[in-house]
Amino acid sequence: MSPLEVELINIRAHFIILFGEVLRDYLNEERALQKFTQWGKETEEMFCNLKVPLDEALKDTKDYRTFLWKILKEVIKENNLSIDTVFEVGEIIDPLLDHAAYSFSLSYVHFYQLTLESSQSAFLELSIPVVPLAKGMAIFSLPLIGNIDTERANYPMDEALKSANRLQFQRLIVDL
């Protein structure tokens, strides 16, 4: 078994344990939902770092629901529970699972956006080479590849001018 598979099994096991604890100690819906919101915030970063796509991670929701209802079916039969009780249990379990998936998705997308913005910023910083040519003179090369939006147009120029000022260049040649 690969380290990724082991980590995913641990994450899934933690979720099942958390779900069991929430159901065992279920006092009010708001408190239970808060636990899953926290779980979503803690877990999404692990999934992102493991490079598990969101759609792949969300497939687990169906498996959790199937597993829980399979176990509940056995308990319902063993204890001869009424149909009303079954529906009451469903009114607790399904919203909790839905909220866990929603919280996870929201956190995953937020973390992914932060990662994307960080990568974009790093790319912009790396794409601003100011190369000294002689005393007081440098060249700034700006390749025009892809779409040039306002941020991509302003950021390099600002950074090149800051570098020129910091390094005390009197002349800056701009190569497009």
C-alpha atoms as a PDB file:
ATOM      1  CA  MET A   1       0.000   0.000   0.000  1.00  0.00           C
ATOM      2  CA  SER A   2       1.373   3.414  -0.967  1.00  0.00           C
ATOM      3  CA  PRO A   3       1.867   6.231   1.574  1.00  0.00           C
ATOM      4  CA  LEU A   4      -0.955   8.136  -0.171  1.00  0.00           C
ATOM      5  CA  GLU A   5      -3.357   5.225   0.285  1.00  0.00           C
ATOM      6  CA  VAL A   6      -2.398   4.887   3.950  1.00  0.00           C
ATOM      7  CA  GLU A   7      -2.953   8.609   4.531  1.00  0.00           C
ATOM      8  CA  LEU A   8      -6.348   8.512   2.795  1.00  0.00           C
ATOM      9  CA  ILE A   9      -7.407   5.508   4.883  1.00  0.00           C
ATOM     10  CA  ASN A  10      -6.388   7.379   8.053  1.00  0.00           C
ATOM     11  CA  ILE A  11      -8.373  10.453   6.995  1.00  0.00           C
ATOM     12  CA  ARG A  12     -11.431   8.327   6.202  1.00  0.00           C
ATOM     13  CA  ALA A  13     -11.143   6.415   9.476  1.00  0.00           C
ATOM     14  CA  HIS A  14     -10.927   9.711  11.373  1.00  0.00           C
ATOM     15  CA  PHE A  15     -14.114  10.874   9.655  1.00  0.00           C
ATOM     16  CA  ILE A  16     -16.008   7.687  10.548  1.00  0.00           C
ATOM     17  CA  ILE A  17     -14.851   7.974  14.173  1.00  0.00           C
ATOM     18  CA  LEU A  18     -15.889  11.651  14.271  1.00  0.00           C
ATOM     19  CA  PHE A  19     -19.252  10.802  12.758  1.00  0.00           C
ATOM     20  CA  GLY A  20     -19.810   8.084  15.363  1.00  0.00           C
ATOM     21  CA  GLU A  21     -18.863  10.471  18.190  1.00  0.00           C
ATOM     22  CA  VAL A  22     -21.206  13.149  16.862  1.00  0.00           C
ATOM     23  CA  LEU A  23     -24.090  10.685  16.632  1.00  0.00           C
ATOM     24  CA  ARG A  24     -23.382   9.234  20.086  1.00  0.00           C
ATOM     25  CA  ASP A  25     -23.250  12.672  21.709  1.00  0.00           C
ATOM     26  CA  TYR A  26     -25.880  14.279  19.479  1.00  0.00           C
ATOM     27  CA  LEU A  27     -27.510  17.039  21.494  1.00  0.00           C
ATOM     28  CA  ASN A  28     -28.212  19.695  18.958  1.00  0.00           C
ATOM     29  CA  GLU A  29     -27.766  20.117  15.254  1.00  0.00           C
ATOM     30  CA  GLU A  30     -25.769  23.351  15.471  1.00  0.00           C
ATOM     31  CA  ARG A  31     -23.036  21.833  17.635  1.00  0.00           C
ATOM     32  CA  ALA A  32     -22.802  18.786  15.369  1.00  0.00           C
ATOM     33  CA  LEU A  33     -22.562  20.969  12.266  1.00  0.00           C
ATOM     34  CA  GLN A  34     -19.767  22.989  13.881  1.00  0.00           C
ATOM     35  CA  LYS A  35     -17.741  19.812  14.409  1.00  0.00           C
ATOM     36  CA  PHE A  36     -18.018  18.955  10.716  1.00  0.00           C
ATOM     37  CA  THR A  37     -17.200  22.511   9.695  1.00  0.00           C
ATOM     38  CA  GLN A  38     -14.016  22.233  11.757  1.00  0.00           C
ATOM     39  CA  TRP A  39     -13.287  18.812  10.265  1.00  0.00           C
ATOM     40  CA  GLY A  40     -13.665  20.263   6.763  1.00  0.00           C
ATOM     41  CA  LYS A  41     -11.192  23.041   7.546  1.00  0.00           C
ATOM     42  CA  GLU A  42      -8.660  20.588   8.976  1.00  0.00           C
ATOM     43  CA  THR A  43      -8.995  17.953   6.266  1.00  0.00           C
ATOM     44  CA  GLU A  44      -9.117  19.933   3.030  1.00  0.00           C
ATOM     45  CA  GLU A  45      -5.496  21.035   3.251  1.00  0.00           C
ATOM     46  CA  MET A  46      -4.392  17.426   3.610  1.00  0.00           C
ATOM     47  CA  PHE A  47      -6.365  16.430   0.513  1.00  0.00           C
ATOM     48  CA  CYS A  48      -4.970  19.381  -1.450  1.00  0.00           C
ATOM     49  CA  ASN A  49      -1.423  18.570  -0.375  1.00  0.00           C
ATOM     50  CA  LEU A  50      -1.966  14.935  -1.340  1.00  0.00           C
ATOM     51  CA  LYS A  51      -3.165  16.259  -4.728  1.00  0.00           C
ATOM     52  CA  VAL A  52      -6.502  14.470  -4.443  1.00  0.00           C
ATOM     53  CA  PRO A  53      -8.961  16.211  -6.795  1.00  0.00           C
ATOM     54  CA  LEU A  54     -12.133  17.548  -5.192  1.00  0.00           C
ATOM     55  CA  ASP A  55     -14.421  15.352  -7.279  1.00  0.00           C
ATOM     56  CA  GLU A  56     -12.445  12.293  -6.192  1.00  0.00           C
ATOM     57  CA  ALA A  57     -12.639  13.287  -2.525  1.00  0.00           C
ATOM     58  CA  LEU A  58     -16.386  13.904  -2.749  1.00  0.00           C
ATOM     59  CA  LYS A  59     -16.994  10.403  -4.115  1.00  0.00           C
ATOM     60  CA  ASP A  60     -16.346   9.226  -0.558  1.00  0.00           C
ATOM     61  CA  THR A  61     -19.586  10.897   0.569  1.00  0.00           C
ATOM     62  CA  LYS A  62     -21.635   8.261  -1.250  1.00  0.00           C
ATOM     63  CA  ASP A  63     -19.519   5.498   0.297  1.00  0.00           C
ATOM     64  CA  TYR A  64     -19.940   6.950   3.808  1.00  0.00           C
ATOM     65  CA  ARG A  65     -23.694   7.236   3.330  1.00  0.00           C
ATOM     66  CA  THR A  66     -23.944   3.665   1.983  1.00  0.00           C
ATOM     67  CA  PHE A  67     -21.810   2.295   4.830  1.00  0.00           C
ATOM     68  CA  LEU A  68     -23.789   4.125   7.534  1.00  0.00           C
ATOM     69  CA  TRP A  69     -27.163   3.067   6.183  1.00  0.00           C
ATOM     70  CA  LYS A  70     -25.990  -0.534   5.840  1.00  0.00           C
ATOM     71  CA  ILE A  71     -25.032  -0.588   9.528  1.00  0.00           C
ATOM     72  CA  LEU A  72     -28.239   1.206  10.488  1.00  0.00           C
ATOM     73  CA  LYS A  73     -30.309  -1.287   8.524  1.00  0.00           C
ATOM     74  CA  GLU A  74     -28.856  -4.097  10.647  1.00  0.00           C
ATOM     75  CA  VAL A  75     -29.507  -2.178  13.879  1.00  0.00           C
ATOM     76  CA  ILE A  76     -33.046  -1.306  12.772  1.00  0.00           C
ATOM     77  CA  LYS A  77     -33.835  -4.952  11.993  1.00  0.00           C
ATOM     78  CA  GLU A  78     -32.228  -6.276  15.206  1.00  0.00           C
ATOM     79  CA  ASN A  79     -34.149  -3.803  17.367  1.00  0.00           C
ATOM     80  CA  ASN A  80     -37.351  -3.872  15.322  1.00  0.00           C
ATOM     81  CA  LEU A  81     -37.400  -0.072  15.180  1.00  0.00           C
ATOM     82  CA  SER A  82     -40.409   1.767  13.817  1.00  0.00           C
ATOM     83  CA  ILE A  83     -40.487   3.510  10.467  1.00  0.00           C
ATOM     84  CA  ASP A  84     -40.833   6.825  12.339  1.00  0.00           C
ATOM     85  CA  THR A  85     -37.541   6.154  14.127  1.00  0.00           C
ATOM     86  CA  VAL A  86     -35.861   5.306  10.826  1.00  0.00           C
ATOM     87  CA  PHE A  87     -36.990   8.625   9.345  1.00  0.00           C
ATOM     88  CA  GLU A  88     -35.894  10.502  12.463  1.00  0.00           C
ATOM     89  CA  VAL A  89     -32.438   8.951  12.180  1.00  0.00           C
ATOM     90  CA  GLY A  90     -32.347   9.848   8.480  1.00  0.00           C
ATOM     91  CA  GLU A  91     -33.223  13.447   9.316  1.00  0.00           C
ATOM     92  CA  ILE A  92     -30.070  13.547  11.453  1.00  0.00           C
ATOM     93  CA  ILE A  93     -27.594  11.525   9.399  1.00  0.00           C
ATOM     94  CA  ASP A  94     -28.215  12.822   5.894  1.00  0.00           C
ATOM     95  CA  PRO A  95     -27.973  16.545   6.773  1.00  0.00           C
ATOM     96  CA  LEU A  96     -24.789  15.863   8.749  1.00  0.00           C
ATOM     97  CA  LEU A  97     -23.184  14.069   5.812  1.00  0.00           C
ATOM     98  CA  ASP A  98     -24.331  16.795   3.418  1.00  0.00           C
ATOM     99  CA  HIS A  99     -22.913  19.481   5.695  1.00  0.00           C
ATOM    100  CA  ALA A 100     -19.604  17.624   6.043  1.00  0.00           C
ATOM    101  CA  ALA A 101     -19.317  17.433   2.236  1.00  0.00           C
ATOM    102  CA  TYR A 102     -20.304  21.111   1.906  1.00  0.00           C
ATOM    103  CA  SER A 103     -17.806  22.257   4.570  1.00  0.00           C
ATOM    104  CA  PHE A 104     -15.046  20.167   3.057  1.00  0.00           C
ATOM    105  CA  SER A 105     -15.783  21.500  -0.449  1.00  0.00           C
ATOM    106  CA  LEU A 106     -15.876  25.109   0.710  1.00  0.00           C
ATOM    107  CA  SER A 107     -12.586  24.770   2.562  1.00  0.00           C
ATOM    108  CA  TYR A 108     -10.992  22.820  -0.297  1.00  0.00           C
ATOM    109  CA  VAL A 109     -11.907  25.491  -2.849  1.00  0.00           C
ATOM    110  CA  HIS A 110     -10.701  28.256  -0.513  1.00  0.00           C
ATOM    111  CA  PHE A 111      -7.341  26.532   0.067  1.00  0.00           C
ATOM    112  CA  TYR A 112      -7.026  25.800  -3.656  1.00  0.00           C
ATOM    113  CA  GLN A 113      -7.658  29.474  -4.479  1.00  0.00           C
ATOM    114  CA  LEU A 114      -5.010  30.570  -1.964  1.00  0.00           C
ATOM    115  CA  THR A 115      -2.559  28.086  -3.458  1.00  0.00           C
ATOM    116  CA  LEU A 116      -3.356  29.318  -6.962  1.00  0.00           C
ATOM    117  CA  GLU A 117      -2.920  32.972  -5.949  1.00  0.00           C
ATOM    118  CA  SER A 118       0.373  32.151  -4.248  1.00  0.00           C
ATOM    119  CA  SER A 119       1.588  30.311  -7.345  1.00  0.00           C
ATOM    120  CA  GLN A 120       0.517  33.173  -9.569  1.00  0.00           C
ATOM    121  CA  SER A 121       2.343  35.648  -7.361  1.00  0.00           C
ATOM    122  CA  ALA A 122       5.487  33.491  -7.367  1.00  0.00           C
ATOM    123  CA  PHE A 123       5.266  33.190 -11.146  1.00  0.00           C
ATOM    124  CA  LEU A 124       4.980  36.956 -11.515  1.00  0.00           C
ATOM    125  CA  GLU A 125       7.982  37.492  -9.239  1.00  0.00           C
ATOM    126  CA  LEU A 126      10.066  35.013 -11.216  1.00  0.00           C
ATOM    127  CA  SER A 127       9.036  36.535 -14.517  1.00  0.00           C
ATOM    128  CA  ILE A 128      10.571  39.925 -13.711  1.00  0.00           C
ATOM    129  CA  PRO A 129      14.265  39.553 -14.388  1.00  0.00           C
ATOM    130  CA  VAL A 130      16.221  42.800 -14.006  1.00  0.00           C
ATOM    131  CA  VAL A 131      19.723  42.021 -15.245  1.00  0.00           C
ATOM    132  CA  PRO A 132      22.577  44.514 -14.680  1.00  0.00           C
ATOM    133  CA  LEU A 133      24.455  45.340 -17.892  1.00  0.00           C
ATOM    134  CA  ALA A 134      26.895  47.980 -16.749  1.00  0.00           C
ATOM    135  CA  LYS A 135      27.242  50.431 -13.883  1.00  0.00           C
ATOM    136  CA  GLY A 136      23.913  52.253 -13.540  1.00  0.00           C
ATOM    137  CA  MET A 137      22.273  50.307 -16.375  1.00  0.00           C
ATOM    138  CA  ALA A 138      20.116  47.170 -16.499  1.00  0.00           C
ATOM    139  CA  ILE A 139      17.761  45.389 -18.821  1.00  0.00           C
ATOM    140  CA  PHE A 140      14.293  44.273 -17.896  1.00  0.00           C
ATOM    141  CA  SER A 141      12.897  41.479 -20.053  1.00  0.00           C
ATOM    142  CA  LEU A 142       9.145  41.004 -20.141  1.00  0.00           C
ATOM    143  CA  PRO A 143       7.955  38.133 -22.303  1.00  0.00           C
ATOM    144  CA  LEU A 144       4.419  38.712 -23.561  1.00  0.00           C
ATOM    145  CA  ILE A 145       2.963  35.241 -23.378  1.00  0.00           C
ATOM    146  CA  GLY A 146      -0.705  34.543 -22.754  1.00  0.00           C
ATOM    147  CA  ASN A 147      -3.353  37.020 -21.717  1.00  0.00           C
ATOM    148  CA  ILE A 148      -2.134  40.274 -20.227  1.00  0.00           C
ATOM    149  CA  ASP A 149      -4.612  41.423 -17.603  1.00  0.00           C
ATOM    150  CA  THR A 150      -4.291  44.586 -15.508  1.00  0.00           C
ATOM    151  CA  GLU A 151      -2.447  42.849 -12.671  1.00  0.00           C
ATOM    152  CA  ARG A 152      -0.069  41.104 -15.033  1.00  0.00           C
ATOM    153  CA  ALA A 153       0.619  44.399 -16.821  1.00  0.00           C
ATOM    154  CA  ASN A 154       1.114  46.589 -13.731  1.00  0.00           C
ATOM    155  CA  TYR A 155       2.937  44.228 -11.393  1.00  0.00           C
ATOM    156  CA  PRO A 156       6.041  43.638 -13.558  1.00  0.00           C
ATOM    157  CA  MET A 157       6.505  47.314 -14.294  1.00  0.00           C
ATOM    158  CA  ASP A 158       6.140  48.270 -10.643  1.00  0.00           C
ATOM    159  CA  GLU A 159       8.586  45.574  -9.547  1.00  0.00           C
ATOM    160  CA  ALA A 160      11.097  46.459 -12.268  1.00  0.00           C
ATOM    161  CA  LEU A 161      11.018  50.117 -11.221  1.00  0.00           C
ATOM    162  CA  LYS A 162      11.419  49.164  -7.551  1.00  0.00           C
ATOM    163  CA  SER A 163      14.406  46.972  -8.434  1.00  0.00           C
ATOM    164  CA  ALA A 164      15.934  49.728 -10.551  1.00  0.00           C
ATOM    165  CA  ASN A 165      15.493  52.214  -7.718  1.00  0.00           C
ATOM    166  CA  ARG A 166      16.808  49.808  -5.061  1.00  0.00           C
ATOM    167  CA  LEU A 167      19.856  48.937  -7.158  1.00  0.00           C
ATOM    168  CA  GLN A 168      20.307  52.600  -8.187  1.00  0.00           C
ATOM    169  CA  PHE A 169      20.116  52.155 -11.943  1.00  0.00           C
ATOM    170  CA  GLN A 170      19.893  55.392 -13.897  1.00  0.00           C
ATOM    171  CA  ARG A 171      18.817  53.587 -17.066  1.00  0.00           C
ATOM    172  CA  LEU A 172      16.499  50.648 -17.437  1.00  0.00           C
ATOM    173  CA  ILE A 173      16.055  49.067 -20.844  1.00  0.00           C
ATOM    174  CA  VAL A 174      12.716  47.342 -21.265  1.00  0.00           C
ATOM    175  CA  ASP A 175      12.719  44.353 -23.598  1.00  0.00           C
ATOM    176  CA  LEU A 176       9.254  43.179 -24.660  1.00  0.00           C
END
